[in-house]
Amino acid sequence: MSELVVIGYDNAETAETARKKLFELSSEYYADVGDAVVAVADEKGKIHLRQMVNPWSLGMMSGSFWGLLIGVLFLNPLFGLAVGAAAGAASGALSDYGIRDSFMKDVAGALTPGKAALFMMARNVTSDRVITHLAELGGTVLRTNLSSTDESKLRAHFAQAQKEVATS
């Protein structure tokens, strides 16, 4: 089962650093990250989502490929490319991978201007190494989809890791 954890940070740079660290840990097989998005509240309090993959551009690329292939088969590759790109962009815009944008905006709405939050959907994100590395950057656990018991354990472990970093 995937775990959703939202950690609030004082600024966007720290949240981006945390996301980068999360993907490094993922490449070292400490976490299986499905999605990681940074939400930033601008000076006016408007929420901006910084996603790694833009669904409509991903759809456009795959649509272009299939459109080109179909166009070659029917001896009109440019028309197939254009139609495929348009169809792919439309389907990509209508699909939502990972964490729902509306959910992220709702949770991030509690952020004050200039603050940021890292939304991560992963398996095994509560492993000691992942929490320890993310706790080094500070932040506060804002929300999870864990049971209340597991969420309490996560918050306690996160706070303990932050204390250990502060004392060292």
N, C-alpha and C. Protein backbone atom coordinates (compact mmCIF):
# COMPACT_ATOMS: atom_id res chain seq x y z
N MET A 1 0.83 -1.18 0.00
CA MET A 1 0.00 0.00 0.00
C MET A 1 0.87 1.24 0.00
N SER A 2 0.48 2.24 -0.76
CA SER A 2 1.23 3.48 -0.81
C SER A 2 0.88 4.36 0.38
N GLU A 3 1.88 5.07 0.85
CA GLU A 3 1.69 6.01 1.95
C GLU A 3 1.80 7.42 1.41
N LEU A 4 0.91 8.27 1.87
CA LEU A 4 0.97 9.68 1.52
C LEU A 4 1.46 10.43 2.74
N VAL A 5 2.51 11.21 2.57
CA VAL A 5 3.04 12.02 3.66
C VAL A 5 3.24 13.43 3.12
N VAL A 6 2.79 14.43 3.87
CA VAL A 6 2.95 15.82 3.50
C VAL A 6 3.79 16.48 4.59
N ILE A 7 4.92 17.07 4.19
CA ILE A 7 5.81 17.74 5.14
C ILE A 7 5.90 19.21 4.76
N GLY A 8 5.63 20.08 5.72
CA GLY A 8 5.71 21.52 5.50
C GLY A 8 7.10 22.04 5.76
N TYR A 9 7.55 22.99 4.93
CA TYR A 9 8.88 23.60 5.07
C TYR A 9 8.76 25.12 5.06
N ASP A 10 9.80 25.78 5.55
CA ASP A 10 9.80 27.24 5.63
C ASP A 10 9.93 27.93 4.29
N ASN A 11 10.48 27.22 3.29
CA ASN A 11 10.64 27.85 1.98
C ASN A 11 10.68 26.78 0.89
N ALA A 12 10.53 27.24 -0.34
CA ALA A 12 10.46 26.33 -1.49
C ALA A 12 11.80 25.62 -1.73
N GLU A 13 12.91 26.30 -1.48
CA GLU A 13 14.22 25.69 -1.73
C GLU A 13 14.43 24.47 -0.86
N THR A 14 14.03 24.55 0.42
CA THR A 14 14.19 23.41 1.32
C THR A 14 13.28 22.26 0.89
N ALA A 15 12.06 22.58 0.47
CA ALA A 15 11.15 21.54 -0.01
C ALA A 15 11.70 20.86 -1.26
N GLU A 16 12.29 21.64 -2.17
CA GLU A 16 12.91 21.06 -3.38
C GLU A 16 14.11 20.19 -3.01
N THR A 17 14.89 20.62 -2.03
CA THR A 17 16.03 19.83 -1.56
C THR A 17 15.54 18.51 -0.98
N ALA A 18 14.44 18.56 -0.22
CA ALA A 18 13.87 17.34 0.36
C ALA A 18 13.39 16.40 -0.74
N ARG A 19 12.77 16.96 -1.78
CA ARG A 19 12.30 16.11 -2.89
C ARG A 19 13.49 15.46 -3.59
N LYS A 20 14.54 16.23 -3.81
CA LYS A 20 15.74 15.68 -4.45
C LYS A 20 16.32 14.56 -3.59
N LYS A 21 16.38 14.76 -2.28
CA LYS A 21 16.90 13.75 -1.36
C LYS A 21 16.02 12.50 -1.40
N LEU A 22 14.71 12.71 -1.49
CA LEU A 22 13.78 11.58 -1.56
C LEU A 22 14.05 10.74 -2.80
N PHE A 23 14.28 11.39 -3.95
CA PHE A 23 14.56 10.64 -5.18
C PHE A 23 15.94 9.97 -5.13
N GLU A 24 16.90 10.59 -4.43
CA GLU A 24 18.20 9.92 -4.24
C GLU A 24 18.01 8.65 -3.42
N LEU A 25 17.22 8.75 -2.35
CA LEU A 25 16.95 7.57 -1.53
C LEU A 25 16.19 6.51 -2.32
N SER A 26 15.33 6.96 -3.23
CA SER A 26 14.60 6.03 -4.07
C SER A 26 15.55 5.29 -5.00
N SER A 27 16.52 6.01 -5.55
CA SER A 27 17.48 5.36 -6.45
C SER A 27 18.39 4.39 -5.70
N GLU A 28 18.49 4.58 -4.38
CA GLU A 28 19.28 3.66 -3.56
C GLU A 28 18.39 2.58 -2.93
N TYR A 29 17.12 2.52 -3.37
CA TYR A 29 16.15 1.51 -2.97
C TYR A 29 15.73 1.60 -1.50
N TYR A 30 15.77 2.80 -0.90
CA TYR A 30 15.25 2.98 0.45
C TYR A 30 13.78 3.37 0.44
N ALA A 31 13.28 3.82 -0.69
CA ALA A 31 11.87 4.17 -0.82
C ALA A 31 11.45 3.92 -2.26
N ASP A 32 10.21 3.57 -2.44
CA ASP A 32 9.64 3.37 -3.76
C ASP A 32 8.69 4.53 -4.00
N VAL A 33 9.19 5.60 -4.64
CA VAL A 33 8.43 6.83 -4.80
C VAL A 33 7.55 6.76 -6.04
N GLY A 34 6.26 6.97 -5.84
CA GLY A 34 5.33 7.01 -6.96
C GLY A 34 5.15 8.42 -7.48
N ASP A 35 5.15 9.40 -6.57
CA ASP A 35 4.94 10.79 -6.95
C ASP A 35 5.50 11.67 -5.83
N ALA A 36 6.07 12.79 -6.20
CA ALA A 36 6.56 13.76 -5.22
C ALA A 36 6.41 15.15 -5.83
N VAL A 37 5.60 15.97 -5.19
CA VAL A 37 5.26 17.30 -5.71
C VAL A 37 5.51 18.33 -4.62
N VAL A 38 6.07 19.47 -5.01
CA VAL A 38 6.26 20.57 -4.08
C VAL A 38 5.18 21.60 -4.36
N ALA A 39 4.45 21.98 -3.31
CA ALA A 39 3.44 23.03 -3.40
C ALA A 39 4.00 24.27 -2.72
N VAL A 40 3.92 25.41 -3.39
CA VAL A 40 4.48 26.65 -2.87
C VAL A 40 3.38 27.70 -2.80
N ALA A 41 3.32 28.41 -1.68
CA ALA A 41 2.38 29.53 -1.53
C ALA A 41 3.13 30.81 -1.88
N ASP A 42 2.66 31.54 -2.91
CA ASP A 42 3.34 32.79 -3.29
C ASP A 42 2.96 33.92 -2.33
N GLU A 43 3.45 35.12 -2.61
CA GLU A 43 3.24 36.27 -1.73
C GLU A 43 1.76 36.58 -1.50
N LYS A 44 0.93 36.25 -2.48
CA LYS A 44 -0.51 36.51 -2.38
C LYS A 44 -1.27 35.31 -1.80
N GLY A 45 -0.55 34.25 -1.45
CA GLY A 45 -1.18 33.06 -0.89
C GLY A 45 -1.67 32.08 -1.93
N LYS A 46 -1.46 32.37 -3.23
CA LYS A 46 -1.88 31.45 -4.28
C LYS A 46 -0.93 30.24 -4.30
N ILE A 47 -1.49 29.05 -4.47
CA ILE A 47 -0.71 27.81 -4.43
C ILE A 47 -0.26 27.43 -5.83
N HIS A 48 1.03 27.14 -5.97
CA HIS A 48 1.61 26.67 -7.23
C HIS A 48 2.19 25.28 -6.99
N LEU A 49 1.88 24.35 -7.90
CA LEU A 49 2.38 22.98 -7.78
C LEU A 49 3.57 22.79 -8.72
N ARG A 50 4.65 22.31 -8.18
CA ARG A 50 5.85 22.02 -8.98
C ARG A 50 5.95 20.51 -9.12
N GLN A 51 5.49 20.02 -10.27
CA GLN A 51 5.47 18.59 -10.51
C GLN A 51 6.66 18.17 -11.37
N MET A 52 7.07 16.94 -11.19
CA MET A 52 8.19 16.41 -11.98
C MET A 52 7.74 16.09 -13.40
N VAL A 53 6.51 15.63 -13.56
CA VAL A 53 6.00 15.23 -14.87
C VAL A 53 4.74 16.04 -15.16
N ASN A 54 4.71 16.67 -16.31
CA ASN A 54 3.53 17.40 -16.73
C ASN A 54 2.66 16.45 -17.54
N PRO A 55 1.46 16.07 -17.05
CA PRO A 55 0.65 15.06 -17.73
C PRO A 55 0.33 15.38 -19.19
N TRP A 56 0.04 16.66 -19.51
CA TRP A 56 -0.34 16.95 -20.89
C TRP A 56 0.84 16.83 -21.83
N SER A 57 2.06 17.18 -21.38
CA SER A 57 3.22 17.05 -22.28
C SER A 57 3.59 15.58 -22.46
N LEU A 58 3.45 14.78 -21.39
CA LEU A 58 3.69 13.35 -21.51
C LEU A 58 2.69 12.73 -22.48
N GLY A 59 1.43 13.13 -22.38
CA GLY A 59 0.40 12.63 -23.30
C GLY A 59 0.68 13.06 -24.72
N MET A 60 1.14 14.30 -24.90
CA MET A 60 1.42 14.80 -26.24
C MET A 60 2.56 14.00 -26.88
N MET A 61 3.61 13.69 -26.09
CA MET A 61 4.73 12.93 -26.64
C MET A 61 4.30 11.53 -27.06
N SER A 62 3.53 10.85 -26.19
CA SER A 62 3.11 9.50 -26.56
C SER A 62 2.12 9.54 -27.72
N GLY A 63 1.24 10.55 -27.74
CA GLY A 63 0.29 10.70 -28.84
C GLY A 63 0.99 10.98 -30.15
N SER A 64 2.06 11.78 -30.10
CA SER A 64 2.84 12.07 -31.32
C SER A 64 3.43 10.80 -31.90
N PHE A 65 3.97 9.96 -31.02
CA PHE A 65 4.57 8.71 -31.49
C PHE A 65 3.54 7.84 -32.19
N TRP A 66 2.39 7.62 -31.52
CA TRP A 66 1.37 6.76 -32.10
C TRP A 66 0.77 7.37 -33.35
N GLY A 67 0.59 8.69 -33.34
CA GLY A 67 0.06 9.37 -34.52
C GLY A 67 1.01 9.26 -35.70
N LEU A 68 2.32 9.40 -35.44
CA LEU A 68 3.32 9.28 -36.50
C LEU A 68 3.30 7.86 -37.06
N LEU A 69 3.24 6.88 -36.18
CA LEU A 69 3.21 5.49 -36.62
C LEU A 69 1.99 5.21 -37.50
N ILE A 70 0.83 5.66 -37.05
CA ILE A 70 -0.39 5.47 -37.84
C ILE A 70 -0.29 6.25 -39.15
N GLY A 71 0.26 7.48 -39.10
CA GLY A 71 0.43 8.29 -40.30
C GLY A 71 1.34 7.62 -41.33
N VAL A 72 2.41 6.97 -40.85
CA VAL A 72 3.33 6.27 -41.76
C VAL A 72 2.61 5.10 -42.42
N LEU A 73 1.80 4.40 -41.64
CA LEU A 73 1.07 3.27 -42.19
C LEU A 73 0.08 3.69 -43.27
N PHE A 74 -0.49 4.88 -43.12
CA PHE A 74 -1.47 5.36 -44.09
C PHE A 74 -0.89 6.43 -45.02
N LEU A 75 0.43 6.50 -45.09
CA LEU A 75 1.17 7.36 -46.01
C LEU A 75 0.94 8.87 -45.81
N ASN A 76 0.64 9.29 -44.60
CA ASN A 76 0.53 10.71 -44.30
C ASN A 76 1.06 10.97 -42.88
N PRO A 77 2.41 10.90 -42.72
CA PRO A 77 2.99 10.99 -41.38
C PRO A 77 2.77 12.34 -40.68
N LEU A 78 2.78 13.46 -41.41
CA LEU A 78 2.62 14.76 -40.76
C LEU A 78 1.21 14.92 -40.18
N PHE A 79 0.22 14.49 -40.93
CA PHE A 79 -1.15 14.56 -40.44
C PHE A 79 -1.31 13.66 -39.21
N GLY A 80 -0.77 12.45 -39.28
CA GLY A 80 -0.83 11.51 -38.15
C GLY A 80 -0.13 12.06 -36.93
N LEU A 81 1.02 12.73 -37.14
CA LEU A 81 1.77 13.33 -36.03
C LEU A 81 0.95 14.42 -35.35
N ALA A 82 0.34 15.29 -36.15
CA ALA A 82 -0.45 16.40 -35.61
C ALA A 82 -1.68 15.90 -34.86
N VAL A 83 -2.40 14.97 -35.45
CA VAL A 83 -3.60 14.43 -34.81
C VAL A 83 -3.23 13.67 -33.54
N GLY A 84 -2.17 12.87 -33.60
CA GLY A 84 -1.73 12.11 -32.43
C GLY A 84 -1.29 13.01 -31.29
N ALA A 85 -0.57 14.08 -31.61
CA ALA A 85 -0.11 15.02 -30.57
C ALA A 85 -1.30 15.70 -29.91
N ALA A 86 -2.28 16.12 -30.70
CA ALA A 86 -3.46 16.78 -30.14
C ALA A 86 -4.26 15.82 -29.26
N ALA A 87 -4.45 14.61 -29.73
CA ALA A 87 -5.21 13.62 -28.94
C ALA A 87 -4.45 13.26 -27.67
N GLY A 88 -3.14 13.10 -27.77
CA GLY A 88 -2.33 12.76 -26.59
C GLY A 88 -2.33 13.88 -25.57
N ALA A 89 -2.23 15.13 -26.03
CA ALA A 89 -2.25 16.27 -25.11
C ALA A 89 -3.59 16.35 -24.39
N ALA A 90 -4.67 16.11 -25.11
CA ALA A 90 -5.99 16.16 -24.50
C ALA A 90 -6.16 15.06 -23.46
N SER A 91 -5.72 13.85 -23.79
CA SER A 91 -5.86 12.75 -22.83
C SER A 91 -4.94 12.96 -21.63
N GLY A 92 -3.76 13.50 -21.87
CA GLY A 92 -2.85 13.78 -20.76
C GLY A 92 -3.39 14.84 -19.83
N ALA A 93 -4.03 15.85 -20.38
CA ALA A 93 -4.59 16.92 -19.56
C ALA A 93 -5.74 16.40 -18.70
N LEU A 94 -6.46 15.39 -19.19
CA LEU A 94 -7.59 14.87 -18.46
C LEU A 94 -7.20 13.80 -17.45
N SER A 95 -5.97 13.29 -17.53
CA SER A 95 -5.55 12.25 -16.60
C SER A 95 -4.77 12.88 -15.46
N ASP A 96 -4.76 12.19 -14.33
CA ASP A 96 -4.06 12.70 -13.16
C ASP A 96 -3.26 11.55 -12.58
N TYR A 97 -1.95 11.67 -12.62
CA TYR A 97 -1.08 10.62 -12.12
C TYR A 97 -0.76 10.90 -10.66
N GLY A 98 -0.72 9.86 -9.85
CA GLY A 98 -0.28 10.02 -8.48
C GLY A 98 -1.26 10.77 -7.61
N ILE A 99 -0.79 11.84 -6.95
CA ILE A 99 -1.57 12.59 -5.99
C ILE A 99 -2.46 13.59 -6.73
N ARG A 100 -3.74 13.65 -6.38
CA ARG A 100 -4.67 14.57 -7.03
C ARG A 100 -4.29 16.03 -6.77
N ASP A 101 -4.29 16.84 -7.81
CA ASP A 101 -3.96 18.26 -7.70
C ASP A 101 -4.90 18.97 -6.74
N SER A 102 -6.19 18.65 -6.80
CA SER A 102 -7.16 19.33 -5.94
C SER A 102 -6.86 19.06 -4.46
N PHE A 103 -6.47 17.82 -4.13
CA PHE A 103 -6.10 17.48 -2.76
C PHE A 103 -4.88 18.29 -2.32
N MET A 104 -3.87 18.37 -3.18
CA MET A 104 -2.65 19.11 -2.83
C MET A 104 -2.95 20.58 -2.59
N LYS A 105 -3.81 21.16 -3.43
CA LYS A 105 -4.15 22.57 -3.26
C LYS A 105 -4.94 22.80 -1.98
N ASP A 106 -5.83 21.87 -1.64
CA ASP A 106 -6.59 21.99 -0.39
C ASP A 106 -5.67 21.97 0.82
N VAL A 107 -4.77 21.00 0.87
CA VAL A 107 -3.87 20.89 2.01
C VAL A 107 -2.90 22.06 2.04
N ALA A 108 -2.37 22.42 0.88
CA ALA A 108 -1.40 23.52 0.82
C ALA A 108 -2.05 24.87 1.09
N GLY A 109 -3.38 24.94 1.04
CA GLY A 109 -4.08 26.18 1.34
C GLY A 109 -3.80 26.67 2.75
N ALA A 110 -3.38 25.79 3.63
CA ALA A 110 -3.05 26.17 5.00
C ALA A 110 -1.67 26.82 5.11
N LEU A 111 -0.90 26.78 4.03
CA LEU A 111 0.44 27.37 4.06
C LEU A 111 0.36 28.89 4.05
N THR A 112 1.24 29.52 4.79
CA THR A 112 1.34 30.97 4.74
C THR A 112 2.24 31.35 3.58
N PRO A 113 2.11 32.58 3.06
CA PRO A 113 2.94 32.99 1.92
C PRO A 113 4.44 32.75 2.17
N GLY A 114 5.09 32.22 1.12
CA GLY A 114 6.52 31.92 1.19
C GLY A 114 6.83 30.52 1.68
N LYS A 115 5.87 29.84 2.26
CA LYS A 115 6.08 28.49 2.77
C LYS A 115 5.84 27.48 1.65
N ALA A 116 6.29 26.25 1.89
CA ALA A 116 6.13 25.19 0.89
C ALA A 116 5.85 23.86 1.58
N ALA A 117 5.34 22.92 0.83
CA ALA A 117 5.09 21.58 1.35
C ALA A 117 5.52 20.55 0.31
N LEU A 118 6.08 19.47 0.81
CA LEU A 118 6.44 18.34 -0.05
C LEU A 118 5.38 17.26 0.12
N PHE A 119 4.73 16.92 -0.98
CA PHE A 119 3.75 15.83 -1.00
C PHE A 119 4.46 14.63 -1.60
N MET A 120 4.45 13.52 -0.87
CA MET A 120 5.09 12.32 -1.41
C MET A 120 4.18 11.12 -1.27
N MET A 121 4.10 10.37 -2.35
CA MET A 121 3.35 9.12 -2.37
C MET A 121 4.39 8.04 -2.62
N ALA A 122 4.55 7.17 -1.63
CA ALA A 122 5.60 6.16 -1.74
C ALA A 122 5.25 4.94 -0.91
N ARG A 123 5.94 3.86 -1.20
CA ARG A 123 5.87 2.68 -0.36
C ARG A 123 7.10 2.73 0.55
N ASN A 124 6.95 2.32 1.77
CA ASN A 124 8.05 2.25 2.73
C ASN A 124 8.68 3.60 3.04
N VAL A 125 7.92 4.69 2.95
CA VAL A 125 8.48 6.01 3.23
C VAL A 125 8.79 6.17 4.72
N THR A 126 8.22 5.32 5.57
CA THR A 126 8.45 5.44 7.00
C THR A 126 9.72 4.71 7.45
N SER A 127 10.48 4.17 6.51
CA SER A 127 11.71 3.50 6.92
C SER A 127 12.62 4.51 7.62
N ASP A 128 13.39 4.02 8.56
CA ASP A 128 14.24 4.89 9.39
C ASP A 128 15.15 5.80 8.57
N ARG A 129 15.75 5.26 7.53
CA ARG A 129 16.69 6.06 6.74
C ARG A 129 16.01 7.22 6.03
N VAL A 130 14.84 6.96 5.45
CA VAL A 130 14.13 8.01 4.72
C VAL A 130 13.74 9.13 5.68
N ILE A 131 13.14 8.77 6.81
CA ILE A 131 12.70 9.77 7.78
C ILE A 131 13.89 10.54 8.34
N THR A 132 14.98 9.86 8.64
CA THR A 132 16.17 10.52 9.17
C THR A 132 16.72 11.54 8.18
N HIS A 133 16.83 11.16 6.92
CA HIS A 133 17.37 12.08 5.91
C HIS A 133 16.44 13.27 5.68
N LEU A 134 15.14 13.04 5.65
CA LEU A 134 14.21 14.15 5.45
C LEU A 134 14.14 15.05 6.69
N ALA A 135 14.28 14.47 7.88
CA ALA A 135 14.22 15.25 9.12
C ALA A 135 15.44 16.18 9.24
N GLU A 136 16.54 15.84 8.59
CA GLU A 136 17.73 16.71 8.62
C GLU A 136 17.43 18.09 8.05
N LEU A 137 16.44 18.18 7.20
CA LEU A 137 16.10 19.45 6.54
C LEU A 137 15.06 20.25 7.33
N GLY A 138 14.64 19.74 8.48
CA GLY A 138 13.62 20.43 9.26
C GLY A 138 12.25 20.06 8.76
N GLY A 139 11.30 20.94 8.94
CA GLY A 139 9.95 20.69 8.46
C GLY A 139 9.06 20.08 9.51
N THR A 140 7.79 19.99 9.17
CA THR A 140 6.77 19.47 10.06
C THR A 140 5.84 18.55 9.28
N VAL A 141 5.54 17.40 9.83
CA VAL A 141 4.60 16.49 9.18
C VAL A 141 3.21 17.12 9.28
N LEU A 142 2.62 17.44 8.13
CA LEU A 142 1.31 18.09 8.10
C LEU A 142 0.15 17.11 8.01
N ARG A 143 0.31 16.08 7.18
CA ARG A 143 -0.79 15.15 6.97
C ARG A 143 -0.24 13.84 6.40
N THR A 144 -0.93 12.75 6.73
CA THR A 144 -0.61 11.44 6.15
C THR A 144 -1.92 10.68 5.94
N ASN A 145 -1.81 9.57 5.24
CA ASN A 145 -2.98 8.70 5.12
C ASN A 145 -2.80 7.46 5.99
N LEU A 146 -1.87 7.51 6.91
CA LEU A 146 -1.62 6.40 7.81
C LEU A 146 -2.70 6.35 8.89
N SER A 147 -2.79 5.22 9.58
CA SER A 147 -3.71 5.15 10.72
C SER A 147 -3.21 6.13 11.78
N SER A 148 -4.08 6.50 12.70
CA SER A 148 -3.68 7.49 13.71
C SER A 148 -2.51 6.98 14.56
N THR A 149 -2.46 5.70 14.81
CA THR A 149 -1.34 5.12 15.58
C THR A 149 -0.04 5.23 14.79
N ASP A 150 -0.08 4.83 13.51
CA ASP A 150 1.12 4.91 12.68
C ASP A 150 1.54 6.35 12.43
N GLU A 151 0.55 7.25 12.30
CA GLU A 151 0.88 8.66 12.11
C GLU A 151 1.58 9.21 13.35
N SER A 152 1.12 8.84 14.52
CA SER A 152 1.78 9.28 15.76
C SER A 152 3.21 8.77 15.82
N LYS A 153 3.40 7.51 15.44
CA LYS A 153 4.76 6.95 15.41
C LYS A 153 5.64 7.70 14.43
N LEU A 154 5.09 8.02 13.24
CA LEU A 154 5.84 8.76 12.23
C LEU A 154 6.24 10.13 12.76
N ARG A 155 5.29 10.85 13.36
CA ARG A 155 5.58 12.18 13.90
C ARG A 155 6.64 12.10 15.00
N ALA A 156 6.54 11.10 15.87
CA ALA A 156 7.51 10.94 16.95
C ALA A 156 8.90 10.62 16.39
N HIS A 157 8.95 9.74 15.42
CA HIS A 157 10.23 9.38 14.81
C HIS A 157 10.85 10.58 14.09
N PHE A 158 10.02 11.34 13.41
CA PHE A 158 10.48 12.52 12.69
C PHE A 158 11.03 13.56 13.68
N ALA A 159 10.31 13.78 14.76
CA ALA A 159 10.76 14.73 15.80
C ALA A 159 12.06 14.26 16.45
N GLN A 160 12.16 12.96 16.74
CA GLN A 160 13.36 12.41 17.34
C GLN A 160 14.57 12.56 16.41
N ALA A 161 14.36 12.31 15.13
CA ALA A 161 15.45 12.47 14.15
C ALA A 161 15.90 13.92 14.07
N GLN A 162 14.95 14.86 14.16
CA GLN A 162 15.31 16.27 14.14
C GLN A 162 16.11 16.66 15.38
N LYS A 163 15.75 16.10 16.55
CA LYS A 163 16.50 16.39 17.78
C LYS A 163 17.93 15.85 17.67
N GLU A 164 18.07 14.65 17.12
CA GLU A 164 19.40 14.05 16.97
C GLU A 164 20.27 14.89 16.03
N VAL A 165 19.68 15.42 14.96
CA VAL A 165 20.42 16.27 14.04
C VAL A 165 20.84 17.57 14.74
N ALA A 166 19.94 18.14 15.54
CA ALA A 166 20.22 19.39 16.23
C ALA A 166 21.33 19.23 17.27
N THR A 167 21.40 18.07 17.93
CA THR A 167 22.43 17.87 18.95
C THR A 167 23.78 17.47 18.37
N SER A 168 23.79 17.02 17.13
CA SER A 168 25.09 16.61 16.54
C SER A 168 25.78 17.71 15.80
